[in-house]
Amino acid sequence: MTTLRHGDRSQAVRELQRKLNSQGAKLATDGAFGDATEAAVRAYQQKVGLVSDGIAGKKTLASLDGLDTQKLLTHADLVKASVRLGVPVAAVYALNEVESHGAGFLSNGKPVILYERHIMYARLQLVRSASDNQEQLHERAELLAKQAPSLVNPKYGGYIGGTAEHQRLAQARQLDEQAALESCSWGAFQVMGYHCQRLGYANIQEFVAAMNRSEADHLEAFVRYIEADANLLKALKAQKWATVAKLYNGPDYQRNMYDVKLERAFERYQDRALVAA
């Protein structure tokens, strides 16, 4: 499904307008995504409880087609997060738009993941018990890097995307269950598995179970990540978007203009006067 937003003109927009009209909107089916269509999208999202961003993405289009949306993020979820973090609802909406991957689940119902082979290489070398030998762990990681470079590698890469990432994970789990699960980023906000205990989960299994439940659980992990970083939370409260982007996305954040995207999204949502309800 193609994401439709303000400014788009296409047959897909015309079809969107028809579907919105079937839900009570009164739009001209002209194929132009203008202010009226955006308002109608937002009204529909509010009616069904979805995130009311005025963007007709996969979730909104799926809902209009009558598909199950129980696992999806809601406006109420974002409001709760804003209260918990002590920031405007618009700030959480901006984070959701820019930092999430749009959807936390694949079409087959599995959570979105990205398996990181370079993280697996590092996690395999962790001393986890008194009986572990650092040299032996390193030798095993090196051996596996030669035998299965797509799964264990000191260099990042090898991504396939989509459901194929779960196939890579399944293969990696045969090498080391815990390290493999820790080596994936999970859900809509792509939180790395190895953060699980720092974020208050009992173990990686509990974290993965949460990632399989709902996008609300994905947001929970993201909120915990922000709460666990005092500097990130402080920057978010002060709306210092460059600092937020740098702390969350890394030093190369400017390459993808994360700070600019966050600021623009925040201003747009703030103008809409999102209500905390």
C-alpha atoms as a PDB file:
ATOM      1  CA  MET A   1       0.000   0.000   0.000  1.00  0.00           C
ATOM      2  CA  THR A   2       1.240   3.461  -0.926  1.00  0.00           C
ATOM      3  CA  THR A   3       1.164   6.115   1.776  1.00  0.00           C
ATOM      4  CA  LEU A   4      -1.009   9.049   0.750  1.00  0.00           C
ATOM      5  CA  ARG A   5      -0.591  12.527   2.204  1.00  0.00           C
ATOM      6  CA  HIS A   6      -1.318  16.208   1.691  1.00  0.00           C
ATOM      7  CA  GLY A   7      -0.307  17.367  -1.781  1.00  0.00           C
ATOM      8  CA  ASP A   8      -0.673  13.990  -3.513  1.00  0.00           C
ATOM      9  CA  ARG A   9      -2.713  13.689  -6.698  1.00  0.00           C
ATOM     10  CA  SER A  10      -3.581  10.257  -8.037  1.00  0.00           C
ATOM     11  CA  GLN A  11      -6.183   7.624  -8.700  1.00  0.00           C
ATOM     12  CA  ALA A  12      -5.275   6.145  -5.311  1.00  0.00           C
ATOM     13  CA  VAL A  13      -6.291   9.435  -3.650  1.00  0.00           C
ATOM     14  CA  ARG A  14      -9.606   9.324  -5.530  1.00  0.00           C
ATOM     15  CA  GLU A  15     -10.204   5.804  -4.209  1.00  0.00           C
ATOM     16  CA  LEU A  16      -9.289   6.979  -0.702  1.00  0.00           C
ATOM     17  CA  GLN A  17     -11.839   9.779  -1.007  1.00  0.00           C
ATOM     18  CA  ARG A  18     -14.523   7.287  -2.064  1.00  0.00           C
ATOM     19  CA  LYS A  19     -13.782   5.094   0.969  1.00  0.00           C
ATOM     20  CA  LEU A  20     -13.850   8.091   3.306  1.00  0.00           C
ATOM     21  CA  ASN A  21     -17.195   9.159   1.826  1.00  0.00           C
ATOM     22  CA  SER A  22     -18.543   5.682   2.573  1.00  0.00           C
ATOM     23  CA  GLN A  23     -17.617   6.419   6.201  1.00  0.00           C
ATOM     24  CA  GLY A  24     -19.544   9.672   6.290  1.00  0.00           C
ATOM     25  CA  ALA A  25     -17.169  12.193   4.722  1.00  0.00           C
ATOM     26  CA  LYS A  26     -18.438  14.527   2.013  1.00  0.00           C
ATOM     27  CA  LEU A  27     -15.464  14.921  -0.279  1.00  0.00           C
ATOM     28  CA  ALA A  28     -15.209  15.717  -3.941  1.00  0.00           C
ATOM     29  CA  THR A  29     -13.613  12.630  -5.501  1.00  0.00           C
ATOM     30  CA  ASP A  30     -11.141  14.683  -7.507  1.00  0.00           C
ATOM     31  CA  GLY A  31      -7.992  12.715  -6.662  1.00  0.00           C
ATOM     32  CA  ALA A  32      -6.394  15.748  -4.979  1.00  0.00           C
ATOM     33  CA  PHE A  33      -5.263  15.281  -1.365  1.00  0.00           C
ATOM     34  CA  GLY A  34      -5.953  18.755  -0.039  1.00  0.00           C
ATOM     35  CA  ASP A  35      -7.000  20.241   3.303  1.00  0.00           C
ATOM     36  CA  ALA A  36     -10.476  18.716   3.190  1.00  0.00           C
ATOM     37  CA  THR A  37      -9.178  15.203   2.499  1.00  0.00           C
ATOM     38  CA  GLU A  38      -6.566  15.523   5.236  1.00  0.00           C
ATOM     39  CA  ALA A  39      -9.260  16.644   7.684  1.00  0.00           C
ATOM     40  CA  ALA A  40     -11.448  13.702   6.640  1.00  0.00           C
ATOM     41  CA  VAL A  41      -8.578  11.258   7.137  1.00  0.00           C
ATOM     42  CA  ARG A  42      -7.898  12.705  10.566  1.00  0.00           C
ATOM     43  CA  ALA A  43     -11.585  12.540  11.502  1.00  0.00           C
ATOM     44  CA  TYR A  44     -11.775   8.899  10.429  1.00  0.00           C
ATOM     45  CA  GLN A  45      -8.627   8.055  12.379  1.00  0.00           C
ATOM     46  CA  GLN A  46     -10.065   9.694  15.483  1.00  0.00           C
ATOM     47  CA  LYS A  47     -13.355   7.829  15.046  1.00  0.00           C
ATOM     48  CA  VAL A  48     -11.690   4.395  14.923  1.00  0.00           C
ATOM     49  CA  GLY A  49      -8.985   5.242  17.487  1.00  0.00           C
ATOM     50  CA  LEU A  50      -5.941   5.235  15.220  1.00  0.00           C
ATOM     51  CA  VAL A  51      -3.108   7.764  15.435  1.00  0.00           C
ATOM     52  CA  SER A  52      -4.759  10.879  13.998  1.00  0.00           C
ATOM     53  CA  ASP A  53      -1.940  12.255  11.884  1.00  0.00           C
ATOM     54  CA  GLY A  54      -3.958  12.964   8.731  1.00  0.00           C
ATOM     55  CA  ILE A  55      -1.716  10.633   6.716  1.00  0.00           C
ATOM     56  CA  ALA A  56      -3.314   7.679   4.956  1.00  0.00           C
ATOM     57  CA  GLY A  57      -0.638   5.063   5.493  1.00  0.00           C
ATOM     58  CA  LYS A  58      -0.816   1.270   5.696  1.00  0.00           C
ATOM     59  CA  LYS A  59      -2.737   1.275   8.968  1.00  0.00           C
ATOM     60  CA  THR A  60      -5.441   3.729   7.938  1.00  0.00           C
ATOM     61  CA  LEU A  61      -5.887   2.104   4.534  1.00  0.00           C
ATOM     62  CA  ALA A  62      -6.095  -1.334   6.149  1.00  0.00           C
ATOM     63  CA  SER A  63      -8.755  -0.074   8.554  1.00  0.00           C
ATOM     64  CA  LEU A  64     -10.754   1.431   5.687  1.00  0.00           C
ATOM     65  CA  ASP A  65     -10.596  -1.965   3.985  1.00  0.00           C
ATOM     66  CA  GLY A  66     -12.053  -3.606   7.087  1.00  0.00           C
ATOM     67  CA  LEU A  67      -8.890  -5.412   8.203  1.00  0.00           C
ATOM     68  CA  ASP A  68      -8.027  -6.152  11.844  1.00  0.00           C
ATOM     69  CA  THR A  69      -6.313  -3.196  13.542  1.00  0.00           C
ATOM     70  CA  GLN A  70      -6.228  -4.430  17.147  1.00  0.00           C
ATOM     71  CA  LYS A  71      -2.426  -4.564  17.271  1.00  0.00           C
ATOM     72  CA  LEU A  72      -2.006  -1.029  15.951  1.00  0.00           C
ATOM     73  CA  LEU A  73      -0.956   2.095  17.809  1.00  0.00           C
ATOM     74  CA  THR A  74      -3.712   4.453  18.875  1.00  0.00           C
ATOM     75  CA  HIS A  75      -4.055   8.136  19.628  1.00  0.00           C
ATOM     76  CA  ALA A  76      -4.677   7.223  23.281  1.00  0.00           C
ATOM     77  CA  ASP A  77      -1.346   5.369  23.389  1.00  0.00           C
ATOM     78  CA  LEU A  78       0.517   8.476  22.232  1.00  0.00           C
ATOM     79  CA  VAL A  79      -1.340  10.690  24.702  1.00  0.00           C
ATOM     80  CA  LYS A  80      -0.380   8.363  27.582  1.00  0.00           C
ATOM     81  CA  ALA A  81       3.239   8.450  26.445  1.00  0.00           C
ATOM     82  CA  SER A  82       3.240  12.249  26.339  1.00  0.00           C
ATOM     83  CA  VAL A  83       1.909  12.450  29.900  1.00  0.00           C
ATOM     84  CA  ARG A  84       4.451   9.928  31.121  1.00  0.00           C
ATOM     85  CA  LEU A  85       7.367  11.714  29.472  1.00  0.00           C
ATOM     86  CA  GLY A  86       6.089  15.174  30.380  1.00  0.00           C
ATOM     87  CA  VAL A  87       6.143  16.487  26.809  1.00  0.00           C
ATOM     88  CA  PRO A  88       3.462  17.844  24.450  1.00  0.00           C
ATOM     89  CA  VAL A  89       1.365  15.313  22.547  1.00  0.00           C
ATOM     90  CA  ALA A  90       2.714  16.916  19.371  1.00  0.00           C
ATOM     91  CA  ALA A  91       6.248  15.884  20.363  1.00  0.00           C
ATOM     92  CA  VAL A  92       5.250  12.231  20.661  1.00  0.00           C
ATOM     93  CA  TYR A  93       3.374  12.438  17.362  1.00  0.00           C
ATOM     94  CA  ALA A  94       6.528  13.846  15.749  1.00  0.00           C
ATOM     95  CA  LEU A  95       8.641  11.037  17.180  1.00  0.00           C
ATOM     96  CA  ASN A  96       6.133   8.480  15.956  1.00  0.00           C
ATOM     97  CA  GLU A  97       6.137   9.931  12.449  1.00  0.00           C
ATOM     98  CA  VAL A  98       9.899  10.328  12.066  1.00  0.00           C
ATOM     99  CA  GLU A  99      11.419   7.591  14.217  1.00  0.00           C
ATOM    100  CA  SER A 100       8.979   4.746  13.660  1.00  0.00           C
ATOM    101  CA  HIS A 101       8.936   2.651  10.521  1.00  0.00           C
ATOM    102  CA  GLY A 102       5.267   3.394   9.985  1.00  0.00           C
ATOM    103  CA  ALA A 103       4.122  -0.107  10.855  1.00  0.00           C
ATOM    104  CA  GLY A 104       5.322  -2.425  13.592  1.00  0.00           C
ATOM    105  CA  PHE A 105       4.078  -5.646  12.026  1.00  0.00           C
ATOM    106  CA  LEU A 106       4.540  -7.365   8.696  1.00  0.00           C
ATOM    107  CA  SER A 107       1.655  -8.644   6.590  1.00  0.00           C
ATOM    108  CA  ASN A 108       2.154 -12.130   8.077  1.00  0.00           C
ATOM    109  CA  GLY A 109       1.595 -10.788  11.611  1.00  0.00           C
ATOM    110  CA  LYS A 110       5.204 -10.971  12.737  1.00  0.00           C
ATOM    111  CA  PRO A 111       6.898  -7.879  14.200  1.00  0.00           C
ATOM    112  CA  VAL A 112       9.153  -5.850  11.953  1.00  0.00           C
ATOM    113  CA  ILE A 113      12.782  -6.682  12.684  1.00  0.00           C
ATOM    114  CA  LEU A 114      16.220  -6.016  11.274  1.00  0.00           C
ATOM    115  CA  TYR A 115      18.877  -8.599  12.046  1.00  0.00           C
ATOM    116  CA  GLU A 116      22.324  -7.061  12.642  1.00  0.00           C
ATOM    117  CA  ARG A 117      25.127  -9.500  11.872  1.00  0.00           C
ATOM    118  CA  HIS A 118      27.820  -7.223  13.322  1.00  0.00           C
ATOM    119  CA  ILE A 119      25.946  -7.080  16.617  1.00  0.00           C
ATOM    120  CA  MET A 120      25.729 -10.888  16.599  1.00  0.00           C
ATOM    121  CA  TYR A 121      29.514 -11.019  16.131  1.00  0.00           C
ATOM    122  CA  ALA A 122      29.959  -8.846  19.219  1.00  0.00           C
ATOM    123  CA  ARG A 123      27.286 -10.547  21.369  1.00  0.00           C
ATOM    124  CA  LEU A 124      28.807 -13.972  20.745  1.00  0.00           C
ATOM    125  CA  GLN A 125      31.965 -12.762  22.454  1.00  0.00           C
ATOM    126  CA  LEU A 126      30.304 -11.588  25.655  1.00  0.00           C
ATOM    127  CA  VAL A 127      31.372 -13.317  28.865  1.00  0.00           C
ATOM    128  CA  ARG A 128      28.038 -14.260  30.414  1.00  0.00           C
ATOM    129  CA  SER A 129      29.116 -16.727  33.110  1.00  0.00           C
ATOM    130  CA  ALA A 130      32.167 -17.668  35.189  1.00  0.00           C
ATOM    131  CA  SER A 131      32.765 -20.683  32.973  1.00  0.00           C
ATOM    132  CA  ASP A 132      33.068 -18.612  29.791  1.00  0.00           C
ATOM    133  CA  ASN A 133      36.515 -18.193  28.297  1.00  0.00           C
ATOM    134  CA  GLN A 134      37.008 -14.927  26.423  1.00  0.00           C
ATOM    135  CA  GLU A 135      39.582 -16.347  24.019  1.00  0.00           C
ATOM    136  CA  GLN A 136      37.392 -19.316  23.149  1.00  0.00           C
ATOM    137  CA  LEU A 137      34.386 -17.079  22.605  1.00  0.00           C
ATOM    138  CA  HIS A 138      36.401 -14.911  20.248  1.00  0.00           C
ATOM    139  CA  GLU A 139      37.683 -17.928  18.329  1.00  0.00           C
ATOM    140  CA  ARG A 140      34.137 -19.251  17.907  1.00  0.00           C
ATOM    141  CA  ALA A 141      32.888 -15.878  16.660  1.00  0.00           C
ATOM    142  CA  GLU A 142      35.741 -15.732  14.154  1.00  0.00           C
ATOM    143  CA  LEU A 143      34.997 -19.275  12.982  1.00  0.00           C
ATOM    144  CA  LEU A 144      31.293 -18.554  12.542  1.00  0.00           C
ATOM    145  CA  ALA A 145      32.136 -15.354  10.670  1.00  0.00           C
ATOM    146  CA  LYS A 146      34.005 -17.494   8.137  1.00  0.00           C
ATOM    147  CA  GLN A 147      31.342 -20.200   7.973  1.00  0.00           C
ATOM    148  CA  ALA A 148      28.258 -17.971   7.934  1.00  0.00           C
ATOM    149  CA  PRO A 149      29.273 -14.377   7.074  1.00  0.00           C
ATOM    150  CA  SER A 150      25.675 -13.371   6.388  1.00  0.00           C
ATOM    151  CA  LEU A 151      24.826 -14.162  10.023  1.00  0.00           C
ATOM    152  CA  VAL A 152      28.036 -13.361  11.901  1.00  0.00           C
ATOM    153  CA  ASN A 153      30.321 -10.634  10.650  1.00  0.00           C
ATOM    154  CA  PRO A 154      32.440  -7.813  12.100  1.00  0.00           C
ATOM    155  CA  LYS A 155      31.007  -5.576   9.361  1.00  0.00           C
ATOM    156  CA  TYR A 156      27.385  -4.411   9.276  1.00  0.00           C
ATOM    157  CA  GLY A 157      25.188  -5.202   6.298  1.00  0.00           C
ATOM    158  CA  GLY A 158      23.679  -8.242   4.653  1.00  0.00           C
ATOM    159  CA  TYR A 159      20.130  -6.970   5.088  1.00  0.00           C
ATOM    160  CA  ILE A 160      17.339  -8.577   3.083  1.00  0.00           C
ATOM    161  CA  GLY A 161      14.349  -6.856   4.641  1.00  0.00           C
ATOM    162  CA  GLY A 162      10.763  -7.842   5.296  1.00  0.00           C
ATOM    163  CA  THR A 163       9.904 -11.402   6.221  1.00  0.00           C
ATOM    164  CA  ALA A 164      13.351 -12.565   5.073  1.00  0.00           C
ATOM    165  CA  GLU A 165      14.857 -10.944   8.163  1.00  0.00           C
ATOM    166  CA  HIS A 166      12.942 -13.478  10.255  1.00  0.00           C
ATOM    167  CA  GLN A 167      14.521 -16.239   8.188  1.00  0.00           C
ATOM    168  CA  ARG A 168      17.967 -14.826   8.976  1.00  0.00           C
ATOM    169  CA  LEU A 169      17.019 -14.645  12.645  1.00  0.00           C
ATOM    170  CA  ALA A 170      15.809 -18.264  12.640  1.00  0.00           C
ATOM    171  CA  GLN A 171      19.163 -19.378  11.238  1.00  0.00           C
ATOM    172  CA  ALA A 172      21.076 -17.262  13.750  1.00  0.00           C
ATOM    173  CA  ARG A 173      19.067 -18.690  16.649  1.00  0.00           C
ATOM    174  CA  GLN A 174      20.436 -22.101  15.779  1.00  0.00           C
ATOM    175  CA  LEU A 175      23.901 -20.718  16.479  1.00  0.00           C
ATOM    176  CA  ASP A 176      23.020 -18.932  19.736  1.00  0.00           C
ATOM    177  CA  GLU A 177      19.423 -18.226  20.804  1.00  0.00           C
ATOM    178  CA  GLN A 178      20.063 -15.341  23.180  1.00  0.00           C
ATOM    179  CA  ALA A 179      22.697 -13.562  21.104  1.00  0.00           C
ATOM    180  CA  ALA A 180      20.532 -13.794  17.983  1.00  0.00           C
ATOM    181  CA  LEU A 181      17.452 -12.268  19.637  1.00  0.00           C
ATOM    182  CA  GLU A 182      19.614  -9.536  21.158  1.00  0.00           C
ATOM    183  CA  SER A 183      21.049  -8.773  17.713  1.00  0.00           C
ATOM    184  CA  CYS A 184      17.768  -7.615  16.174  1.00  0.00           C
ATOM    185  CA  SER A 185      16.063  -4.273  16.257  1.00  0.00           C
ATOM    186  CA  TRP A 186      12.391  -4.831  17.007  1.00  0.00           C
ATOM    187  CA  GLY A 187       9.053  -3.268  16.224  1.00  0.00           C
ATOM    188  CA  ALA A 188       7.872   0.080  14.950  1.00  0.00           C
ATOM    189  CA  PHE A 189      10.631   2.007  16.740  1.00  0.00           C
ATOM    190  CA  GLN A 190      13.373  -0.550  16.036  1.00  0.00           C
ATOM    191  CA  VAL A 191      14.627  -0.892  19.618  1.00  0.00           C
ATOM    192  CA  MET A 192      17.613  -3.218  19.820  1.00  0.00           C
ATOM    193  CA  GLY A 193      17.106  -6.449  21.719  1.00  0.00           C
ATOM    194  CA  TYR A 194      20.313  -6.089  23.701  1.00  0.00           C
ATOM    195  CA  HIS A 195      18.800  -3.075  25.499  1.00  0.00           C
ATOM    196  CA  CYS A 196      16.129  -5.283  27.088  1.00  0.00           C
ATOM    197  CA  GLN A 197      17.404  -5.490  30.668  1.00  0.00           C
ATOM    198  CA  ARG A 198      18.448  -1.824  30.746  1.00  0.00           C
ATOM    199  CA  LEU A 199      14.850  -1.048  29.813  1.00  0.00           C
ATOM    200  CA  GLY A 200      13.429  -3.111  32.659  1.00  0.00           C
ATOM    201  CA  TYR A 201      12.555  -6.375  30.930  1.00  0.00           C
ATOM    202  CA  ALA A 202      13.440  -9.513  32.889  1.00  0.00           C
ATOM    203  CA  ASN A 203      15.238 -11.056  29.915  1.00  0.00           C
ATOM    204  CA  ILE A 204      15.313 -11.106  26.127  1.00  0.00           C
ATOM    205  CA  GLN A 205      12.447 -13.614  25.991  1.00  0.00           C
ATOM    206  CA  GLU A 206      10.124 -11.239  27.862  1.00  0.00           C
ATOM    207  CA  PHE A 207      11.138  -8.394  25.561  1.00  0.00           C
ATOM    208  CA  VAL A 208      10.526 -10.443  22.404  1.00  0.00           C
ATOM    209  CA  ALA A 209       7.144 -11.592  23.723  1.00  0.00           C
ATOM    210  CA  ALA A 210       6.173  -7.938  24.177  1.00  0.00           C
ATOM    211  CA  MET A 211       7.340  -7.082  20.667  1.00  0.00           C
ATOM    212  CA  ASN A 212       5.033  -9.801  19.332  1.00  0.00           C
ATOM    213  CA  ARG A 213       1.966  -8.433  21.144  1.00  0.00           C
ATOM    214  CA  SER A 214       1.195  -4.960  19.809  1.00  0.00           C
ATOM    215  CA  GLU A 215       2.476  -1.616  18.616  1.00  0.00           C
ATOM    216  CA  ALA A 216       1.530  -0.240  22.024  1.00  0.00           C
ATOM    217  CA  ASP A 217       4.227  -2.553  23.401  1.00  0.00           C
ATOM    218  CA  HIS A 218       6.633  -1.207  20.780  1.00  0.00           C
ATOM    219  CA  LEU A 219       5.883   2.317  22.006  1.00  0.00           C
ATOM    220  CA  GLU A 220       6.365   1.172  25.601  1.00  0.00           C
ATOM    221  CA  ALA A 221       9.886  -0.021  24.774  1.00  0.00           C
ATOM    222  CA  PHE A 222      10.590   3.282  23.013  1.00  0.00           C
ATOM    223  CA  VAL A 223       9.334   5.302  25.994  1.00  0.00           C
ATOM    224  CA  ARG A 224      11.478   3.214  28.334  1.00  0.00           C
ATOM    225  CA  TYR A 225      14.459   3.883  26.068  1.00  0.00           C
ATOM    226  CA  ILE A 226      13.890   7.636  26.336  1.00  0.00           C
ATOM    227  CA  GLU A 227      13.372   7.429  30.115  1.00  0.00           C
ATOM    228  CA  ALA A 228      16.616   5.471  30.493  1.00  0.00           C
ATOM    229  CA  ASP A 229      18.615   8.279  28.856  1.00  0.00           C
ATOM    230  CA  ALA A 230      18.424  11.414  31.004  1.00  0.00           C
ATOM    231  CA  ASN A 231      20.058  13.573  28.331  1.00  0.00           C
ATOM    232  CA  LEU A 232      17.662  12.377  25.645  1.00  0.00           C
ATOM    233  CA  LEU A 233      14.633  13.045  27.836  1.00  0.00           C
ATOM    234  CA  LYS A 234      15.957  16.481  28.779  1.00  0.00           C
ATOM    235  CA  ALA A 235      16.531  17.381  25.115  1.00  0.00           C
ATOM    236  CA  LEU A 236      13.052  16.169  24.182  1.00  0.00           C
ATOM    237  CA  LYS A 237      11.438  18.269  26.912  1.00  0.00           C
ATOM    238  CA  ALA A 238      13.407  21.310  25.712  1.00  0.00           C
ATOM    239  CA  GLN A 239      12.512  20.525  22.076  1.00  0.00           C
ATOM    240  CA  LYS A 240      16.176  20.547  21.105  1.00  0.00           C
ATOM    241  CA  TRP A 241      15.631  18.433  18.014  1.00  0.00           C
ATOM    242  CA  ALA A 242      19.245  18.248  16.868  1.00  0.00           C
ATOM    243  CA  THR A 243      20.242  16.798  20.249  1.00  0.00           C
ATOM    244  CA  VAL A 244      17.286  14.397  20.222  1.00  0.00           C
ATOM    245  CA  ALA A 245      18.208  13.204  16.734  1.00  0.00           C
ATOM    246  CA  LYS A 246      21.888  12.825  17.584  1.00  0.00           C
ATOM    247  CA  LEU A 247      21.238  10.855  20.763  1.00  0.00           C
ATOM    248  CA  TYR A 248      18.684   8.537  19.170  1.00  0.00           C
ATOM    249  CA  ASN A 249      19.963   8.198  15.601  1.00  0.00           C
ATOM    250  CA  GLY A 250      23.691   8.623  16.151  1.00  0.00           C
ATOM    251  CA  PRO A 251      26.250  11.156  14.913  1.00  0.00           C
ATOM    252  CA  ASP A 252      25.185  10.799  11.264  1.00  0.00           C
ATOM    253  CA  TYR A 253      21.664  12.070  11.996  1.00  0.00           C
ATOM    254  CA  GLN A 254      22.150  15.117   9.739  1.00  0.00           C
ATOM    255  CA  ARG A 255      22.593  12.892   6.706  1.00  0.00           C
ATOM    256  CA  ASN A 256      18.920  11.956   6.892  1.00  0.00           C
ATOM    257  CA  MET A 257      17.843  15.346   8.282  1.00  0.00           C
ATOM    258  CA  TYR A 258      16.251  13.708  11.328  1.00  0.00           C
ATOM    259  CA  ASP A 259      16.411  16.923  13.324  1.00  0.00           C
ATOM    260  CA  VAL A 260      14.724  18.961  10.584  1.00  0.00           C
ATOM    261  CA  LYS A 261      12.051  16.291  10.085  1.00  0.00           C
ATOM    262  CA  LEU A 262      11.335  16.163  13.820  1.00  0.00           C
ATOM    263  CA  GLU A 263      11.045  19.937  14.139  1.00  0.00           C
ATOM    264  CA  ARG A 264       8.782  20.266  11.101  1.00  0.00           C
ATOM    265  CA  ALA A 265       6.566  17.396  12.247  1.00  0.00           C
ATOM    266  CA  PHE A 266       6.321  18.865  15.752  1.00  0.00           C
ATOM    267  CA  GLU A 267       5.298  22.273  14.418  1.00  0.00           C
ATOM    268  CA  ARG A 268       2.716  20.710  12.123  1.00  0.00           C
ATOM    269  CA  TYR A 269       1.119  18.661  14.901  1.00  0.00           C
ATOM    270  CA  GLN A 270       1.284  21.570  17.317  1.00  0.00           C
ATOM    271  CA  ASP A 271      -0.675  23.685  14.824  1.00  0.00           C
ATOM    272  CA  ARG A 272      -3.389  21.032  14.849  1.00  0.00           C
ATOM    273  CA  ALA A 273      -3.877  21.560  18.588  1.00  0.00           C
ATOM    274  CA  LEU A 274      -3.975  17.817  19.370  1.00  0.00           C
ATOM    275  CA  VAL A 275      -6.139  17.233  22.407  1.00  0.00           C
ATOM    276  CA  ALA A 276      -4.929  15.123  25.299  1.00  0.00           C
ATOM    277  CA  ALA A 277      -7.891  12.779  25.253  1.00  0.00           C
END
